[in-house]
């Protein structure tokens, strides 16, 4: 069992009962009233831990990525992201993400607080 990766976001109620492997390294670059900008570095097999996004957020993939997205109430989804690709995601997502790439994966996440 792993630990939820970020104490600054709301935990899922039963996160301690959900399986999690090795956690990706998260480095918070900026955290102010308007946004949180985080850099994630995943080694093969690393995971985010179960979490909920309370705000809209934007992701920029810095490397090619092969990620297993595990939404709370939807089927799992494998997505190949290309380096420099970006996505905007609406608030409310409850999920867990695992790198299933054979290489190190890096991405930036910008979460809007306002």
N, C-alpha and C. Protein backbone atom coordinates (compact mmCIF):
# COMPACT_ATOMS: atom_id res chain seq x y z
N UNK A 1 0.83 -1.19 0.00
CA UNK A 1 0.00 0.00 0.00
C UNK A 1 0.87 1.24 0.00
N UNK A 2 0.49 2.20 -0.79
CA UNK A 2 1.21 3.45 -0.84
C UNK A 2 0.49 4.51 -0.04
N UNK A 3 1.00 5.69 -0.08
CA UNK A 3 0.42 6.81 0.64
C UNK A 3 -0.03 7.84 -0.40
N UNK A 4 -1.14 8.51 -0.12
CA UNK A 4 -1.61 9.57 -1.00
C UNK A 4 -0.49 10.58 -1.18
N UNK A 5 -0.24 11.02 -2.40
CA UNK A 5 0.98 11.78 -2.67
C UNK A 5 0.95 13.23 -2.26
N UNK A 6 -0.22 13.81 -2.02
CA UNK A 6 -0.25 15.24 -1.75
C UNK A 6 -1.23 15.58 -0.64
N UNK A 7 -0.71 15.99 0.48
CA UNK A 7 -1.56 16.35 1.61
C UNK A 7 -2.32 17.64 1.35
N UNK A 8 -1.96 18.38 0.30
CA UNK A 8 -2.62 19.66 0.05
C UNK A 8 -3.93 19.51 -0.73
N UNK A 9 -4.21 18.32 -1.24
CA UNK A 9 -5.48 18.08 -1.93
C UNK A 9 -6.35 17.19 -1.07
N UNK A 10 -7.65 17.23 -1.31
CA UNK A 10 -8.56 16.38 -0.54
C UNK A 10 -8.28 14.92 -0.84
N UNK A 11 -8.19 14.13 0.22
CA UNK A 11 -8.02 12.68 0.07
C UNK A 11 -9.36 12.06 -0.32
N UNK A 12 -9.29 10.96 -1.03
CA UNK A 12 -10.48 10.15 -1.21
C UNK A 12 -10.77 9.48 0.13
N UNK A 13 -12.04 9.32 0.47
CA UNK A 13 -12.41 8.79 1.77
C UNK A 13 -11.75 7.45 2.08
N UNK A 14 -11.65 6.58 1.10
CA UNK A 14 -11.09 5.25 1.36
C UNK A 14 -9.73 5.04 0.69
N UNK A 15 -8.96 6.12 0.53
CA UNK A 15 -7.67 6.03 -0.17
C UNK A 15 -6.73 5.03 0.47
N UNK A 16 -6.79 4.86 1.78
CA UNK A 16 -5.89 3.92 2.43
C UNK A 16 -6.18 2.48 2.05
N UNK A 17 -7.38 2.20 1.54
CA UNK A 17 -7.76 0.85 1.16
C UNK A 17 -7.55 0.56 -0.32
N UNK A 18 -7.07 1.54 -1.08
CA UNK A 18 -6.88 1.38 -2.51
C UNK A 18 -5.41 1.09 -2.79
N UNK A 19 -5.16 0.10 -3.62
CA UNK A 19 -3.78 -0.33 -3.91
C UNK A 19 -3.01 0.75 -4.65
N UNK A 20 -1.79 1.00 -4.19
CA UNK A 20 -0.89 1.96 -4.82
C UNK A 20 0.52 1.40 -4.77
N UNK A 21 1.26 1.54 -5.87
CA UNK A 21 2.65 1.09 -5.89
C UNK A 21 3.60 2.22 -5.55
N UNK A 22 4.81 2.19 -6.14
CA UNK A 22 5.80 3.23 -5.90
C UNK A 22 5.27 4.56 -6.44
N UNK A 23 5.48 5.62 -5.68
CA UNK A 23 4.93 6.91 -6.06
C UNK A 23 5.89 7.70 -6.95
N UNK A 24 5.32 8.37 -7.94
CA UNK A 24 6.09 9.27 -8.79
C UNK A 24 6.62 10.42 -7.94
N UNK A 25 7.72 11.02 -8.36
CA UNK A 25 8.26 12.17 -7.64
C UNK A 25 7.52 13.42 -8.10
N UNK A 26 6.93 14.13 -7.14
CA UNK A 26 6.23 15.38 -7.43
C UNK A 26 7.01 16.52 -6.81
N UNK A 27 7.34 17.53 -7.64
CA UNK A 27 8.01 18.73 -7.17
C UNK A 27 7.10 19.91 -7.44
N UNK A 28 6.68 20.60 -6.39
CA UNK A 28 5.84 21.79 -6.56
C UNK A 28 6.76 22.95 -6.91
N UNK A 29 6.50 23.56 -8.06
CA UNK A 29 7.32 24.66 -8.57
C UNK A 29 6.76 26.00 -8.12
N UNK A 30 5.44 26.15 -8.23
CA UNK A 30 4.75 27.37 -7.82
C UNK A 30 3.48 26.95 -7.09
N UNK A 31 3.20 27.61 -5.98
CA UNK A 31 1.94 27.40 -5.26
C UNK A 31 1.52 28.73 -4.67
N UNK A 32 0.59 29.39 -5.36
CA UNK A 32 0.11 30.69 -4.88
C UNK A 32 -1.42 30.69 -4.86
N UNK A 33 -2.02 31.85 -4.68
CA UNK A 33 -3.48 31.93 -4.57
C UNK A 33 -4.21 31.53 -5.84
N UNK A 34 -3.54 31.64 -7.00
CA UNK A 34 -4.20 31.40 -8.28
C UNK A 34 -3.96 30.01 -8.85
N UNK A 35 -2.81 29.39 -8.52
CA UNK A 35 -2.45 28.14 -9.20
C UNK A 35 -1.43 27.34 -8.40
N UNK A 36 -1.35 26.05 -8.74
CA UNK A 36 -0.24 25.20 -8.30
C UNK A 36 0.37 24.58 -9.54
N UNK A 37 1.67 24.74 -9.71
CA UNK A 37 2.39 24.16 -10.82
C UNK A 37 3.30 23.08 -10.26
N UNK A 38 3.13 21.85 -10.75
CA UNK A 38 3.91 20.72 -10.26
C UNK A 38 4.59 19.99 -11.41
N UNK A 39 5.80 19.53 -11.14
CA UNK A 39 6.54 18.68 -12.08
C UNK A 39 6.46 17.26 -11.54
N UNK A 40 6.10 16.31 -12.40
CA UNK A 40 6.05 14.90 -12.03
C UNK A 40 7.10 14.13 -12.81
N UNK A 41 7.83 13.27 -12.11
CA UNK A 41 8.79 12.38 -12.73
C UNK A 41 8.41 10.95 -12.35
N UNK A 42 8.03 10.17 -13.35
CA UNK A 42 7.64 8.77 -13.16
C UNK A 42 8.75 7.87 -13.68
N UNK A 43 9.23 6.97 -12.87
CA UNK A 43 10.04 5.87 -13.36
C UNK A 43 9.05 4.80 -13.84
N UNK A 44 9.45 3.84 -14.66
CA UNK A 44 8.50 2.82 -15.10
C UNK A 44 7.78 2.17 -13.91
N UNK A 45 6.45 2.16 -13.99
CA UNK A 45 5.63 1.57 -12.94
C UNK A 45 5.22 2.51 -11.83
N UNK A 46 5.80 3.72 -11.77
CA UNK A 46 5.43 4.68 -10.72
C UNK A 46 3.99 5.15 -10.90
N UNK A 47 3.40 5.60 -9.79
CA UNK A 47 1.99 5.99 -9.76
C UNK A 47 1.81 7.31 -9.03
N UNK A 48 0.64 7.91 -9.22
CA UNK A 48 0.34 9.17 -8.52
C UNK A 48 -0.24 8.93 -7.14
N UNK A 49 -0.93 7.83 -6.94
CA UNK A 49 -1.75 7.66 -5.75
C UNK A 49 -3.15 8.16 -6.07
N UNK A 50 -4.15 7.63 -5.39
CA UNK A 50 -5.53 8.04 -5.62
C UNK A 50 -5.73 9.46 -5.11
N UNK A 51 -6.37 10.29 -5.92
CA UNK A 51 -6.60 11.68 -5.52
C UNK A 51 -7.77 12.28 -6.30
N UNK A 52 -8.24 13.42 -5.80
CA UNK A 52 -9.34 14.14 -6.44
C UNK A 52 -8.88 15.55 -6.76
N UNK A 53 -9.17 16.00 -7.97
CA UNK A 53 -8.87 17.36 -8.38
C UNK A 53 -10.06 18.26 -8.08
N UNK A 54 -9.86 19.20 -7.19
CA UNK A 54 -10.93 20.13 -6.80
C UNK A 54 -11.05 21.31 -7.77
N UNK A 55 -10.06 21.45 -8.65
CA UNK A 55 -10.03 22.58 -9.59
C UNK A 55 -9.73 22.07 -10.99
N UNK A 56 -10.07 22.89 -12.00
CA UNK A 56 -9.65 22.59 -13.36
C UNK A 56 -8.12 22.55 -13.39
N UNK A 57 -7.58 21.73 -14.29
CA UNK A 57 -6.12 21.68 -14.40
C UNK A 57 -5.71 21.42 -15.84
N UNK A 58 -4.45 21.68 -16.10
CA UNK A 58 -3.86 21.61 -17.43
C UNK A 58 -2.58 20.79 -17.29
N UNK A 59 -2.36 19.86 -18.22
CA UNK A 59 -1.16 19.02 -18.19
C UNK A 59 -0.40 19.20 -19.50
N UNK A 60 0.93 19.34 -19.37
CA UNK A 60 1.82 19.36 -20.53
C UNK A 60 2.77 18.17 -20.36
N UNK A 61 2.77 17.28 -21.34
CA UNK A 61 3.64 16.10 -21.30
C UNK A 61 5.00 16.50 -21.86
N UNK A 62 6.04 16.37 -21.04
CA UNK A 62 7.38 16.79 -21.43
C UNK A 62 8.11 15.69 -22.21
N UNK A 63 7.68 14.46 -22.01
CA UNK A 63 8.24 13.31 -22.73
C UNK A 63 7.08 12.54 -23.33
N UNK A 64 7.37 11.65 -24.25
CA UNK A 64 6.35 10.70 -24.66
C UNK A 64 5.94 9.91 -23.41
N UNK A 65 4.68 9.60 -23.29
CA UNK A 65 4.16 8.94 -22.10
C UNK A 65 3.21 7.82 -22.52
N UNK A 66 3.22 6.75 -21.76
CA UNK A 66 2.21 5.71 -21.88
C UNK A 66 1.66 5.54 -20.47
N UNK A 67 0.45 6.04 -20.27
CA UNK A 67 -0.12 6.10 -18.93
C UNK A 67 -1.42 5.32 -18.84
N UNK A 68 -1.57 4.62 -17.74
CA UNK A 68 -2.81 3.96 -17.40
C UNK A 68 -3.59 4.89 -16.49
N UNK A 69 -4.70 5.43 -17.00
CA UNK A 69 -5.56 6.32 -16.23
C UNK A 69 -6.67 5.46 -15.61
N UNK A 70 -6.82 5.55 -14.30
CA UNK A 70 -7.82 4.75 -13.58
C UNK A 70 -8.80 5.69 -12.89
N UNK A 71 -9.85 6.12 -13.61
CA UNK A 71 -10.85 6.99 -13.00
C UNK A 71 -11.64 6.23 -11.93
N UNK A 72 -12.14 6.97 -10.98
CA UNK A 72 -12.84 6.37 -9.85
C UNK A 72 -14.08 5.59 -10.29
N UNK A 73 -14.89 6.15 -11.17
CA UNK A 73 -16.16 5.52 -11.54
C UNK A 73 -16.30 5.32 -13.04
N UNK A 74 -15.22 4.89 -13.67
CA UNK A 74 -15.24 4.66 -15.12
C UNK A 74 -14.20 3.59 -15.44
N UNK A 75 -14.28 3.02 -16.62
CA UNK A 75 -13.28 2.00 -17.00
C UNK A 75 -11.87 2.58 -17.10
N UNK A 76 -10.87 1.74 -16.82
CA UNK A 76 -9.48 2.14 -16.98
C UNK A 76 -9.22 2.46 -18.45
N UNK A 77 -8.23 3.32 -18.68
CA UNK A 77 -7.94 3.77 -20.03
C UNK A 77 -6.43 3.92 -20.20
N UNK A 78 -5.87 3.29 -21.23
CA UNK A 78 -4.45 3.46 -21.56
C UNK A 78 -4.36 4.53 -22.64
N UNK A 79 -3.53 5.55 -22.38
CA UNK A 79 -3.37 6.64 -23.34
C UNK A 79 -1.89 6.85 -23.60
N UNK A 80 -1.54 6.93 -24.89
CA UNK A 80 -0.19 7.30 -25.30
C UNK A 80 -0.20 8.81 -25.54
N UNK A 81 0.56 9.54 -24.76
CA UNK A 81 0.68 10.99 -24.91
C UNK A 81 2.02 11.28 -25.57
N UNK A 82 2.05 12.23 -26.46
CA UNK A 82 3.29 12.63 -27.13
C UNK A 82 3.92 13.81 -26.39
N UNK A 83 5.24 13.89 -26.43
CA UNK A 83 5.94 15.03 -25.84
C UNK A 83 5.39 16.32 -26.45
N UNK A 84 5.20 17.32 -25.61
CA UNK A 84 4.67 18.64 -25.96
C UNK A 84 3.15 18.65 -26.15
N UNK A 85 2.49 17.51 -26.01
CA UNK A 85 1.03 17.46 -26.05
C UNK A 85 0.50 18.06 -24.75
N UNK A 86 -0.70 18.62 -24.81
CA UNK A 86 -1.31 19.18 -23.60
C UNK A 86 -2.78 18.81 -23.54
N UNK A 87 -3.32 18.84 -22.33
CA UNK A 87 -4.74 18.54 -22.09
C UNK A 87 -5.28 19.44 -21.00
N UNK A 88 -6.52 19.85 -21.14
CA UNK A 88 -7.23 20.58 -20.09
C UNK A 88 -8.29 19.64 -19.53
N UNK A 89 -8.35 19.54 -18.20
CA UNK A 89 -9.30 18.64 -17.55
C UNK A 89 -10.11 19.43 -16.54
N UNK A 90 -11.42 19.20 -16.53
CA UNK A 90 -12.33 19.89 -15.62
C UNK A 90 -12.19 19.37 -14.19
N UNK A 91 -12.54 20.20 -13.24
CA UNK A 91 -12.52 19.84 -11.81
C UNK A 91 -13.43 18.65 -11.55
N UNK A 92 -13.13 17.93 -10.47
CA UNK A 92 -13.96 16.83 -10.02
C UNK A 92 -13.42 15.46 -10.33
N UNK A 93 -12.34 15.37 -11.11
CA UNK A 93 -11.77 14.08 -11.48
C UNK A 93 -11.21 13.39 -10.23
N UNK A 94 -11.63 12.16 -10.00
CA UNK A 94 -11.07 11.31 -8.95
C UNK A 94 -10.40 10.15 -9.65
N UNK A 95 -9.07 10.04 -9.50
CA UNK A 95 -8.37 9.03 -10.28
C UNK A 95 -7.02 8.67 -9.69
N UNK A 96 -6.39 7.77 -10.39
CA UNK A 96 -5.06 7.25 -10.07
C UNK A 96 -4.39 7.04 -11.43
N UNK A 97 -3.12 7.37 -11.54
CA UNK A 97 -2.42 7.24 -12.82
C UNK A 97 -1.13 6.45 -12.60
N UNK A 98 -0.86 5.50 -13.51
CA UNK A 98 0.35 4.69 -13.44
C UNK A 98 1.07 4.78 -14.78
N UNK A 99 2.39 4.97 -14.72
CA UNK A 99 3.19 4.92 -15.94
C UNK A 99 3.38 3.46 -16.33
N UNK A 100 3.00 3.13 -17.55
CA UNK A 100 3.24 1.77 -18.06
C UNK A 100 4.26 1.82 -19.20
N UNK A 101 4.99 2.94 -19.27
CA UNK A 101 6.07 3.09 -20.25
C UNK A 101 7.31 2.36 -19.76
N UNK A 102 8.17 1.99 -20.69
CA UNK A 102 9.44 1.35 -20.34
C UNK A 102 10.55 2.37 -20.11
N UNK A 103 10.20 3.65 -20.06
CA UNK A 103 11.16 4.73 -19.93
C UNK A 103 10.64 5.71 -18.87
N UNK A 104 11.51 6.61 -18.41
CA UNK A 104 11.10 7.65 -17.48
C UNK A 104 10.17 8.63 -18.19
N UNK A 105 9.16 9.08 -17.47
CA UNK A 105 8.13 9.98 -18.00
C UNK A 105 8.11 11.24 -17.15
N UNK A 106 7.96 12.39 -17.82
CA UNK A 106 7.87 13.66 -17.10
C UNK A 106 6.72 14.48 -17.64
N UNK A 107 6.06 15.21 -16.73
CA UNK A 107 4.97 16.09 -17.13
C UNK A 107 4.87 17.26 -16.16
N UNK A 108 4.24 18.34 -16.63
CA UNK A 108 3.91 19.47 -15.80
C UNK A 108 2.40 19.50 -15.63
N UNK A 109 1.96 19.81 -14.42
CA UNK A 109 0.53 19.97 -14.14
C UNK A 109 0.31 21.36 -13.55
N UNK A 110 -0.64 22.08 -14.12
CA UNK A 110 -1.02 23.40 -13.62
C UNK A 110 -2.47 23.31 -13.17
N UNK A 111 -2.68 23.47 -11.87
CA UNK A 111 -4.03 23.42 -11.32
C UNK A 111 -4.46 24.84 -10.99
N UNK A 112 -5.61 25.26 -11.58
CA UNK A 112 -6.13 26.60 -11.38
C UNK A 112 -6.95 26.66 -10.11
N UNK A 113 -6.64 27.57 -9.20
CA UNK A 113 -7.39 27.68 -7.96
C UNK A 113 -8.52 28.69 -8.07
N UNK A 114 -8.47 29.54 -9.10
CA UNK A 114 -9.49 30.57 -9.27
C UNK A 114 -10.11 30.45 -10.63
